[in-house]
PDB file of N, CA and C in Angstrom:
ATOM      1  N   UNK A   1     -18.996  17.804 -14.633  1.00  0.00           N
ATOM      2  CA  UNK A   1     -17.642  18.666 -14.156  1.00  0.00           C
ATOM      3  C   UNK A   1     -16.558  17.827 -13.554  1.00  0.00           C
ATOM      4  N   UNK A   2     -15.292  17.568 -13.897  1.00  0.00           N
ATOM      5  CA  UNK A   2     -14.065  17.133 -13.192  1.00  0.00           C
ATOM      6  C   UNK A   2     -13.886  17.515 -12.051  1.00  0.00           C
ATOM      7  N   UNK A   3     -13.817  16.429 -11.058  1.00  0.00           N
ATOM      8  CA  UNK A   3     -13.117  17.408  -9.863  1.00  0.00           C
ATOM      9  C   UNK A   3     -11.708  17.461  -9.987  1.00  0.00           C
ATOM     10  N   UNK A   4     -11.160  18.835  -9.177  1.00  0.00           N
ATOM     11  CA  UNK A   4      -9.903  19.091  -9.167  1.00  0.00           C
ATOM     12  C   UNK A   4      -8.941  18.536  -8.242  1.00  0.00           C
ATOM     13  N   UNK A   5      -8.080  17.842  -8.774  1.00  0.00           N
ATOM     14  CA  UNK A   5      -6.927  16.750  -7.700  1.00  0.00           C
ATOM     15  C   UNK A   5      -6.406  17.415  -7.045  1.00  0.00           C
ATOM     16  N   UNK A   6      -6.145  17.441  -5.931  1.00  0.00           N
ATOM     17  CA  UNK A   6      -5.561  17.968  -5.197  1.00  0.00           C
ATOM     18  C   UNK A   6      -4.259  17.640  -4.617  1.00  0.00           C
ATOM     19  N   UNK A   7      -4.271  16.163  -4.183  1.00  0.00           N
ATOM     20  CA  UNK A   7      -2.631  14.918  -4.324  1.00  0.00           C
ATOM     21  C   UNK A   7      -3.037  13.905  -4.803  1.00  0.00           C
ATOM     22  N   UNK A   8      -1.861  13.339  -5.267  1.00  0.00           N
ATOM     23  CA  UNK A   8      -1.683  12.183  -5.589  1.00  0.00           C
ATOM     24  C   UNK A   8      -0.842  11.075  -4.716  1.00  0.00           C
ATOM     25  N   UNK A   9      -1.078   9.984  -3.728  1.00  0.00           N
ATOM     26  CA  UNK A   9      -0.561   9.409  -2.961  1.00  0.00           C
ATOM     27  C   UNK A   9      -0.232   8.130  -3.292  1.00  0.00           C
ATOM     28  N   UNK A  10       1.009   7.764  -3.437  1.00  0.00           N
ATOM     29  CA  UNK A  10       1.497   6.239  -3.705  1.00  0.00           C
ATOM     30  C   UNK A  10       2.285   5.647  -2.831  1.00  0.00           C
ATOM     31  N   UNK A  11       1.629   4.529  -1.935  1.00  0.00           N
ATOM     32  CA  UNK A  11       2.631   3.823  -0.960  1.00  0.00           C
ATOM     33  C   UNK A  11       2.408   2.532  -1.238  1.00  0.00           C
ATOM     34  N   UNK A  12       3.086   1.447  -0.324  1.00  0.00           N
ATOM     35  CA  UNK A  12       2.925  -0.012  -0.733  1.00  0.00           C
ATOM     36  C   UNK A  12       2.650  -0.180   0.943  1.00  0.00           C
ATOM     37  N   UNK A  13       1.367  -0.855   1.273  1.00  0.00           N
ATOM     38  CA  UNK A  13       0.560  -1.432   2.353  1.00  0.00           C
ATOM     39  C   UNK A  13       0.810  -2.699   2.233  1.00  0.00           C
ATOM     40  N   UNK A  14       0.393  -3.436   3.571  1.00  0.00           N
ATOM     41  CA  UNK A  14       0.182  -4.582   3.942  1.00  0.00           C
ATOM     42  C   UNK A  14      -1.326  -4.820   3.196  1.00  0.00           C
ATOM     43  N   UNK A  15      -1.409  -5.893   2.842  1.00  0.00           N
ATOM     44  CA  UNK A  15      -2.602  -5.952   2.176  1.00  0.00           C
ATOM     45  C   UNK A  15      -3.719  -6.224   3.388  1.00  0.00           C
ATOM     46  N   UNK A  16      -4.630  -5.834   3.845  1.00  0.00           N
ATOM     47  CA  UNK A  16      -6.060  -6.586   4.520  1.00  0.00           C
ATOM     48  C   UNK A  16      -5.419  -5.671   5.933  1.00  0.00           C
ATOM     49  N   UNK A  17      -4.199  -5.133   6.049  1.00  0.00           N
ATOM     50  CA  UNK A  17      -3.741  -4.827   7.605  1.00  0.00           C
ATOM     51  C   UNK A  17      -3.234  -3.402   7.648  1.00  0.00           C
ATOM     52  N   UNK A  18      -4.405  -2.418   6.857  1.00  0.00           N
ATOM     53  CA  UNK A  18      -4.002  -1.019   6.942  1.00  0.00           C
ATOM     54  C   UNK A  18      -4.513  -0.864   8.587  1.00  0.00           C
ATOM     55  N   UNK A  19      -3.379   0.701   9.174  1.00  0.00           N
ATOM     56  CA  UNK A  19      -3.798   1.078  10.229  1.00  0.00           C
ATOM     57  C   UNK A  19      -3.429   2.372  10.054  1.00  0.00           C
ATOM     58  N   UNK A  20      -3.720   3.112  10.789  1.00  0.00           N
ATOM     59  CA  UNK A  20      -3.480   4.802  11.084  1.00  0.00           C
ATOM     60  C   UNK A  20      -1.972   5.170  11.157  1.00  0.00           C
ATOM     61  N   UNK A  21      -0.762   3.663  11.263  1.00  0.00           N
ATOM     62  CA  UNK A  21       0.326   4.224  11.638  1.00  0.00           C
ATOM     63  C   UNK A  21       0.655   4.502  10.612  1.00  0.00           C
ATOM     64  N   UNK A  22       2.280   5.025  10.392  1.00  0.00           N
ATOM     65  CA  UNK A  22       2.999   4.572   9.158  1.00  0.00           C
ATOM     66  C   UNK A  22       3.434   3.822   8.216  1.00  0.00           C
ATOM     67  N   UNK A  23       3.287   3.662   6.920  1.00  0.00           N
ATOM     68  CA  UNK A  23       3.257   5.017   6.136  1.00  0.00           C
ATOM     69  C   UNK A  23       1.847   5.617   5.558  1.00  0.00           C
ATOM     70  N   UNK A  24       0.779   5.300   6.350  1.00  0.00           N
ATOM     71  CA  UNK A  24      -0.200   5.525   5.643  1.00  0.00           C
ATOM     72  C   UNK A  24      -1.205   6.900   6.283  1.00  0.00           C
ATOM     73  N   UNK A  25      -1.025   6.749   7.544  1.00  0.00           N
ATOM     74  CA  UNK A  25      -1.376   7.841   8.356  1.00  0.00           C
ATOM     75  C   UNK A  25      -0.690   9.340   7.753  1.00  0.00           C
ATOM     76  N   UNK A  26       0.133   9.038   8.121  1.00  0.00           N
ATOM     77  CA  UNK A  26       0.709  10.582   7.964  1.00  0.00           C
ATOM     78  C   UNK A  26       0.620  11.202   6.504  1.00  0.00           C
ATOM     79  N   UNK A  27       0.777  10.426   5.352  1.00  0.00           N
ATOM     80  CA  UNK A  27       0.382  10.839   4.156  1.00  0.00           C
ATOM     81  C   UNK A  27      -1.317  11.014   4.293  1.00  0.00           C
ATOM     82  N   UNK A  28      -1.925  10.360   4.584  1.00  0.00           N
ATOM     83  CA  UNK A  28      -3.213  10.689   4.286  1.00  0.00           C
ATOM     84  C   UNK A  28      -3.594  11.690   5.239  1.00  0.00           C
ATOM     85  N   UNK A  29      -2.773  11.861   6.491  1.00  0.00           N
ATOM     86  CA  UNK A  29      -3.413  13.110   6.960  1.00  0.00           C
ATOM     87  C   UNK A  29      -2.937  14.512   6.330  1.00  0.00           C
ATOM     88  N   UNK A  30      -1.955  14.403   6.490  1.00  0.00           N
ATOM     89  CA  UNK A  30      -1.306  15.827   5.334  1.00  0.00           C
ATOM     90  C   UNK A  30      -2.255  16.234   4.208  1.00  0.00           C
ATOM     91  N   UNK A  31      -2.916  14.873   3.771  1.00  0.00           N
ATOM     92  CA  UNK A  31      -3.925  15.522   2.670  1.00  0.00           C
ATOM     93  C   UNK A  31      -5.406  15.733   2.938  1.00  0.00           C
ATOM     94  N   UNK A  32      -5.589  15.416   4.283  1.00  0.00           N
ATOM     95  CA  UNK A  32      -7.143  15.709   4.648  1.00  0.00           C
ATOM     96  C   UNK A  32      -8.092  14.771   4.837  1.00  0.00           C
ATOM     97  N   UNK A  33      -7.400  13.359   4.415  1.00  0.00           N
ATOM     98  CA  UNK A  33      -8.456  12.028   4.147  1.00  0.00           C
ATOM     99  C   UNK A  33      -8.755  11.735   5.780  1.00  0.00           C
ATOM    100  N   UNK A  34     -10.241  11.123   5.705  1.00  0.00           N
ATOM    101  CA  UNK A  34     -10.171  10.397   6.904  1.00  0.00           C
ATOM    102  C   UNK A  34      -9.589   9.227   7.427  1.00  0.00           C
ATOM    103  N   UNK A  35      -8.705   9.205   8.151  1.00  0.00           N
ATOM    104  CA  UNK A  35      -7.525   8.000   7.440  1.00  0.00           C
ATOM    105  C   UNK A  35      -8.500   6.738   8.850  1.00  0.00           C
ATOM    106  N   UNK A  36      -9.266   6.652   9.390  1.00  0.00           N
ATOM    107  CA  UNK A  36     -10.243   5.543   9.513  1.00  0.00           C
ATOM    108  C   UNK A  36     -11.236   4.894   9.016  1.00  0.00           C
ATOM    109  N   UNK A  37     -11.742   5.756   8.074  1.00  0.00           N
ATOM    110  CA  UNK A  37     -12.696   5.395   6.939  1.00  0.00           C
ATOM    111  C   UNK A  37     -11.614   4.493   5.610  1.00  0.00           C
ATOM    112  N   UNK A  38     -10.761   5.476   5.677  1.00  0.00           N
ATOM    113  CA  UNK A  38      -9.871   4.872   4.127  1.00  0.00           C
ATOM    114  C   UNK A  38      -9.257   3.574   4.841  1.00  0.00           C
ATOM    115  N   UNK A  39      -9.252   3.524   6.198  1.00  0.00           N
ATOM    116  CA  UNK A  39      -8.392   1.912   6.767  1.00  0.00           C
ATOM    117  C   UNK A  39      -9.660   0.857   6.062  1.00  0.00           C
ATOM    118  N   UNK A  40     -10.780   1.201   6.735  1.00  0.00           N
ATOM    119  CA  UNK A  40     -12.020   0.054   6.670  1.00  0.00           C
ATOM    120  C   UNK A  40     -12.133  -0.011   5.113  1.00  0.00           C
ATOM    121  N   UNK A  41     -11.970   0.699   4.516  1.00  0.00           N
ATOM    122  CA  UNK A  41     -12.553   0.722   2.493  1.00  0.00           C
ATOM    123  C   UNK A  41     -11.025  -0.181   2.086  1.00  0.00           C
ATOM    124  N   UNK A  42      -9.734   0.344   2.698  1.00  0.00           N
ATOM    125  CA  UNK A  42      -9.009  -0.316   2.162  1.00  0.00           C
ATOM    126  C   UNK A  42      -8.999  -1.991   2.745  1.00  0.00           C
ATOM    127  N   UNK A  43      -8.957  -2.169   3.822  1.00  0.00           N
ATOM    128  CA  UNK A  43      -8.659  -3.639   4.342  1.00  0.00           C
ATOM    129  C   UNK A  43     -10.090  -4.612   3.616  1.00  0.00           C
ATOM    130  N   UNK A  44     -11.360  -3.692   3.184  1.00  0.00           N
ATOM    131  CA  UNK A  44     -12.072  -4.510   2.817  1.00  0.00           C
ATOM    132  C   UNK A  44     -12.125  -4.765   1.324  1.00  0.00           C
ATOM    133  N   UNK A  45     -11.075  -3.770   0.149  1.00  0.00           N
ATOM    134  CA  UNK A  45     -10.745  -3.690  -0.760  1.00  0.00           C
ATOM    135  C   UNK A  45      -9.589  -5.439  -1.061  1.00  0.00           C
ATOM    136  N   UNK A  46      -8.680  -4.916   0.199  1.00  0.00           N
ATOM    137  CA  UNK A  46      -7.772  -6.374   0.023  1.00  0.00           C
ATOM    138  C   UNK A  46      -7.782  -7.366   0.743  1.00  0.00           C
ATOM    139  N   UNK A  47      -9.121  -8.056   0.642  1.00  0.00           N
ATOM    140  CA  UNK A  47      -9.504  -9.466   1.708  1.00  0.00           C
ATOM    141  C   UNK A  47      -8.486 -10.414   1.083  1.00  0.00           C
ATOM    142  N   UNK A  48      -8.246 -10.098  -0.463  1.00  0.00           N
ATOM    143  CA  UNK A  48      -7.814 -11.854  -1.104  1.00  0.00           C
ATOM    144  C   UNK A  48      -6.300 -11.763  -0.983  1.00  0.00           C
ATOM    145  N   UNK A  49      -5.766 -10.470  -0.615  1.00  0.00           N
ATOM    146  CA  UNK A  49      -4.457 -10.258  -0.467  1.00  0.00           C
ATOM    147  C   UNK A  49      -3.790 -10.088   0.664  1.00  0.00           C
ATOM    148  N   UNK A  50      -4.216 -10.775   1.723  1.00  0.00           N
ATOM    149  CA  UNK A  50      -4.008 -10.596   3.349  1.00  0.00           C
ATOM    150  C   UNK A  50      -2.347 -10.919   3.514  1.00  0.00           C
ATOM    151  N   UNK A  51      -1.587 -10.740   3.937  1.00  0.00           N
ATOM    152  CA  UNK A  51       0.014 -10.672   4.211  1.00  0.00           C
ATOM    153  C   UNK A  51       1.009 -10.196   3.079  1.00  0.00           C
ATOM    154  N   UNK A  52       0.237 -10.013   1.852  1.00  0.00           N
ATOM    155  CA  UNK A  52       1.134  -9.503   0.606  1.00  0.00           C
ATOM    156  C   UNK A  52       1.012  -7.622   0.645  1.00  0.00           C
ATOM    157  N   UNK A  53       2.482  -7.555   0.575  1.00  0.00           N
ATOM    158  CA  UNK A  53       2.476  -5.790   0.200  1.00  0.00           C
ATOM    159  C   UNK A  53       1.810  -5.688  -1.102  1.00  0.00           C
ATOM    160  N   UNK A  54       0.920  -4.697  -1.171  1.00  0.00           N
ATOM    161  CA  UNK A  54       0.293  -4.367  -2.384  1.00  0.00           C
ATOM    162  C   UNK A  54       0.708  -2.749  -2.277  1.00  0.00           C
ATOM    163  N   UNK A  55       0.706  -2.256  -3.952  1.00  0.00           N
ATOM    164  CA  UNK A  55       1.039  -0.934  -4.498  1.00  0.00           C
ATOM    165  C   UNK A  55      -0.686  -0.092  -4.134  1.00  0.00           C
ATOM    166  N   UNK A  56      -0.394   1.015  -3.718  1.00  0.00           N
ATOM    167  CA  UNK A  56      -1.826   1.853  -3.762  1.00  0.00           C
ATOM    168  C   UNK A  56      -1.671   3.124  -4.023  1.00  0.00           C
ATOM    169  N   UNK A  57      -2.491   3.668  -5.235  1.00  0.00           N
ATOM    170  CA  UNK A  57      -2.506   4.936  -5.604  1.00  0.00           C
ATOM    171  C   UNK A  57      -3.845   5.591  -4.843  1.00  0.00           C
ATOM    172  N   UNK A  58      -3.584   6.452  -4.099  1.00  0.00           N
ATOM    173  CA  UNK A  58      -4.830   7.209  -3.731  1.00  0.00           C
ATOM    174  C   UNK A  58      -5.082   8.396  -4.122  1.00  0.00           C
ATOM    175  N   UNK A  59      -5.978   8.917  -4.927  1.00  0.00           N
ATOM    176  CA  UNK A  59      -6.292  10.312  -5.549  1.00  0.00           C
ATOM    177  C   UNK A  59      -7.030  10.896  -4.701  1.00  0.00           C
ATOM    178  N   UNK A  60      -6.792  12.449  -4.262  1.00  0.00           N
ATOM    179  CA  UNK A  60      -7.153  13.197  -3.254  1.00  0.00           C
ATOM    180  C   UNK A  60      -7.923  14.019  -4.242  1.00  0.00           C
ATOM    181  N   UNK A  61      -9.172  14.690  -4.014  1.00  0.00           N
ATOM    182  CA  UNK A  61      -9.385  15.675  -4.433  1.00  0.00           C
ATOM    183  C   UNK A  61     -10.131  16.705  -3.587  1.00  0.00           C
ATOM    184  N   UNK A  62     -10.007  17.959  -4.100  1.00  0.00           N
ATOM    185  CA  UNK A  62     -10.422  19.382  -3.733  1.00  0.00           C
ATOM    186  C   UNK A  62     -11.710  19.485  -2.321  1.00  0.00           C
ATOM    187  N   UNK A  63     -12.705  18.552  -2.877  1.00  0.00           N
ATOM    188  CA  UNK A  63     -13.554  18.295  -1.522  1.00  0.00           C
ATOM    189  C   UNK A  63     -13.117  17.059  -0.532  1.00  0.00           C
ATOM    190  N   UNK A  64     -12.171  16.988  -0.481  1.00  0.00           N
ATOM    191  CA  UNK A  64     -11.625  15.627   0.554  1.00  0.00           C
ATOM    192  C   UNK A  64     -12.056  14.377   0.251  1.00  0.00           C
ATOM    193  N   UNK A  65     -12.572  14.077  -0.884  1.00  0.00           N
ATOM    194  CA  UNK A  65     -13.172  12.667  -1.293  1.00  0.00           C
ATOM    195  C   UNK A  65     -11.678  11.975  -2.077  1.00  0.00           C
ATOM    196  N   UNK A  66     -11.988  11.195  -2.441  1.00  0.00           N
ATOM    197  CA  UNK A  66     -10.490  10.137  -2.864  1.00  0.00           C
ATOM    198  C   UNK A  66     -11.112   8.980  -3.290  1.00  0.00           C
ATOM    199  N   UNK A  67     -10.257   8.466  -4.248  1.00  0.00           N
ATOM    200  CA  UNK A  67     -10.428   7.658  -5.006  1.00  0.00           C
ATOM    201  C   UNK A  67      -9.186   6.502  -4.415  1.00  0.00           C
ATOM    202  N   UNK A  68      -9.201   5.219  -4.426  1.00  0.00           N
ATOM    203  CA  UNK A  68      -8.428   4.082  -4.350  1.00  0.00           C
ATOM    204  C   UNK A  68      -8.103   3.424  -5.237  1.00  0.00           C
ATOM    205  N   UNK A  69      -6.884   3.266  -5.743  1.00  0.00           N
ATOM    206  CA  UNK A  69      -6.568   1.970  -6.725  1.00  0.00           C
ATOM    207  C   UNK A  69      -5.536   0.994  -6.471  1.00  0.00           C
ATOM    208  N   UNK A  70      -5.989  -0.189  -6.212  1.00  0.00           N
ATOM    209  CA  UNK A  70      -5.265  -1.340  -5.497  1.00  0.00           C
ATOM    210  C   UNK A  70      -4.400  -1.912  -6.887  1.00  0.00           C
ATOM    211  N   UNK A  71      -2.985  -1.794  -6.684  1.00  0.00           N
ATOM    212  CA  UNK A  71      -2.374  -2.483  -7.344  1.00  0.00           C
ATOM    213  C   UNK A  71      -1.930  -4.159  -7.268  1.00  0.00           C
ATOM    214  N   UNK A  72      -1.216  -4.490  -8.087  1.00  0.00           N
ATOM    215  CA  UNK A  72      -0.338  -6.360  -7.816  1.00  0.00           C
ATOM    216  C   UNK A  72       0.751  -5.987  -7.046  1.00  0.00           C
ATOM    217  N   UNK A  73       0.916  -6.986  -6.376  1.00  0.00           N
ATOM    218  CA  UNK A  73       1.868  -6.926  -5.465  1.00  0.00           C
ATOM    219  C   UNK A  73       3.155  -6.768  -6.357  1.00  0.00           C
ATOM    220  N   UNK A  74       4.568  -6.289  -5.686  1.00  0.00           N
ATOM    221  CA  UNK A  74       5.602  -5.981  -6.444  1.00  0.00           C
ATOM    222  C   UNK A  74       6.084  -7.685  -6.838  1.00  0.00           C
ATOM    223  N   UNK A  75       6.871  -7.592  -7.812  1.00  0.00           N
ATOM    224  CA  UNK A  75       7.493  -8.841  -8.551  1.00  0.00           C
ATOM    225  C   UNK A  75       8.214  -9.474  -7.011  1.00  0.00           C
ATOM    226  N   UNK A  76       9.289  -8.468  -6.874  1.00  0.00           N
ATOM    227  CA  UNK A  76      10.047  -9.191  -5.863  1.00  0.00           C
ATOM    228  C   UNK A  76       9.685  -9.671  -4.496  1.00  0.00           C
ATOM    229  N   UNK A  77       8.314  -9.180  -4.017  1.00  0.00           N
ATOM    230  CA  UNK A  77       7.657 -10.132  -2.709  1.00  0.00           C
ATOM    231  C   UNK A  77       7.031 -11.094  -3.347  1.00  0.00           C
ATOM    232  N   UNK A  78       6.467 -11.332  -4.654  1.00  0.00           N
ATOM    233  CA  UNK A  78       5.600 -12.626  -4.906  1.00  0.00           C
ATOM    234  C   UNK A  78       6.871 -13.728  -5.234  1.00  0.00           C
ATOM    235  N   UNK A  79       8.309 -13.044  -5.281  1.00  0.00           N
ATOM    236  CA  UNK A  79       9.686 -14.206  -5.713  1.00  0.00           C
ATOM    237  C   UNK A  79       9.926 -14.705  -4.186  1.00  0.00           C
ATOM    238  N   UNK A  80       9.800 -13.373  -3.296  1.00  0.00           N
ATOM    239  CA  UNK A  80      10.262 -13.998  -1.966  1.00  0.00           C
ATOM    240  C   UNK A  80       9.230 -15.348  -1.380  1.00  0.00           C
ATOM    241  N   UNK A  81       8.159 -14.849  -1.659  1.00  0.00           N
ATOM    242  CA  UNK A  81       6.699 -15.606  -1.317  1.00  0.00           C
ATOM    243  C   UNK A  81       6.534 -17.437  -1.960  1.00  0.00           C
ATOM    244  N   UNK A  82       7.303 -17.195  -3.594  1.00  0.00           N
ATOM    245  CA  UNK A  82       7.466 -18.775  -4.284  1.00  0.00           C
ATOM    246  C   UNK A  82       8.274 -18.999  -3.479  1.00  0.00           C
ATOM    247  N   UNK A  83       9.718 -18.263  -3.289  1.00  0.00           N
ATOM    248  CA  UNK A  83      10.931 -19.145  -3.026  1.00  0.00           C
ATOM    249  C   UNK A  83      10.799 -19.579  -1.298  1.00  0.00           C
ATOM    250  N   UNK A  84       9.894 -18.846  -0.450  1.00  0.00           N
ATOM    251  CA  UNK A  84       9.820 -19.165   0.940  1.00  0.00           C
ATOM    252  C   UNK A  84      10.789 -18.345   1.748  1.00  0.00           C
ATOM    253  N   UNK A  85      11.411 -17.062   1.377  1.00  0.00           N
ATOM    254  CA  UNK A  85      12.270 -16.639   1.929  1.00  0.00           C
ATOM    255  C   UNK A  85      11.744 -14.900   2.426  1.00  0.00           C
ATOM    256  N   UNK A  86      12.245 -14.763   3.604  1.00  0.00           N
ATOM    257  CA  UNK A  86      11.647 -13.883   4.418  1.00  0.00           C
ATOM    258  C   UNK A  86      12.293 -12.479   3.973  1.00  0.00           C
ATOM    259  N   UNK A  87      13.398 -12.624   3.286  1.00  0.00           N
ATOM    260  CA  UNK A  87      14.050 -11.585   2.485  1.00  0.00           C
ATOM    261  C   UNK A  87      15.485 -11.877   1.807  1.00  0.00           C
ATOM    262  N   UNK A  88      16.079 -10.572   1.125  1.00  0.00           N
ATOM    263  CA  UNK A  88      17.312 -10.994   0.870  1.00  0.00           C
ATOM    264  C   UNK A  88      18.388 -11.304   1.501  1.00  0.00           C
ATOM    265  N   UNK A  89      19.655 -11.816   0.673  1.00  0.00           N
ATOM    266  CA  UNK A  89      20.681 -12.180   1.256  1.00  0.00           C
ATOM    267  C   UNK A  89      21.435 -10.919   1.798  1.00  0.00           C
ATOM    268  N   UNK A  90      21.682 -11.195   3.339  1.00  0.00           N
ATOM    269  CA  UNK A  90      22.672  -9.888   4.405  1.00  0.00           C
ATOM    270  C   UNK A  90      23.945  -9.559   3.498  1.00  0.00           C
ATOM    271  N   UNK A  91      24.406 -10.680   3.296  1.00  0.00           N
ATOM    272  CA  UNK A  91      26.039 -10.743   2.878  1.00  0.00           C
ATOM    273  C   UNK A  91      25.992 -10.593   0.866  1.00  0.00           C
ATOM    274  N   UNK A  92      25.710  -9.535   0.295  1.00  0.00           N
ATOM    275  CA  UNK A  92      25.649  -9.938  -1.354  1.00  0.00           C
ATOM    276  C   UNK A  92      27.261 -10.472  -1.902  1.00  0.00           C
ATOM    277  N   UNK A  93      26.958 -11.377  -2.438  1.00  0.00           N
ATOM    278  CA  UNK A  93      28.047 -12.012  -3.366  1.00  0.00           C
ATOM    279  C   UNK A  93      28.979 -13.184  -2.455  1.00  0.00           C
ATOM    280  N   UNK A  94      28.179 -13.133  -1.292  1.00  0.00           N
ATOM    281  CA  UNK A  94      29.025 -14.002  -0.314  1.00  0.00           C
ATOM    282  C   UNK A  94      27.977 -15.162   0.225  1.00  0.00           C
ATOM    283  N   UNK A  95      26.780 -14.871   0.255  1.00  0.00           N
ATOM    284  CA  UNK A  95      25.693 -15.626   0.691  1.00  0.00           C
ATOM    285  C   UNK A  95      24.325 -15.336   0.075  1.00  0.00           C
ATOM    286  N   UNK A  96      24.337 -16.915  -0.570  1.00  0.00           N
ATOM    287  CA  UNK A  96      22.870 -16.696  -1.662  1.00  0.00           C
ATOM    288  C   UNK A  96      21.695 -17.133  -1.043  1.00  0.00           C
ATOM    289  N   UNK A  97      20.724 -16.820  -1.231  1.00  0.00           N
ATOM    290  CA  UNK A  97      19.462 -17.214  -0.845  1.00  0.00           C
ATOM    291  C   UNK A  97      18.764 -17.926  -1.679  1.00  0.00           C
ATOM    292  N   UNK A  98      18.928 -17.717  -2.737  1.00  0.00           N
ATOM    293  CA  UNK A  98      18.003 -18.299  -3.620  1.00  0.00           C
ATOM    294  C   UNK A  98      18.515 -19.402  -5.049  1.00  0.00           C
TER     295      UNK A  98
END
């Protein structure tokens, strides 16, 4: 029998560096998920993506168990990494960064 889904949480987090601090901590705490256990599992799953921001979908069930789906990094993050940039232009249409 399928478990009933209580909540779906979608966040973007730094690969291999999950901590109980925002954005993960408050979102997981409200859903009743063990935050320390989640951080250990997430960091183990994202060892190859250290330093990259990855999308995460956490499905929380009635019995407070959860499934983690790690998605690929957003395209904008990959472009910044390939171009060697820290961020976008602070002055659009005046200062070009790429």
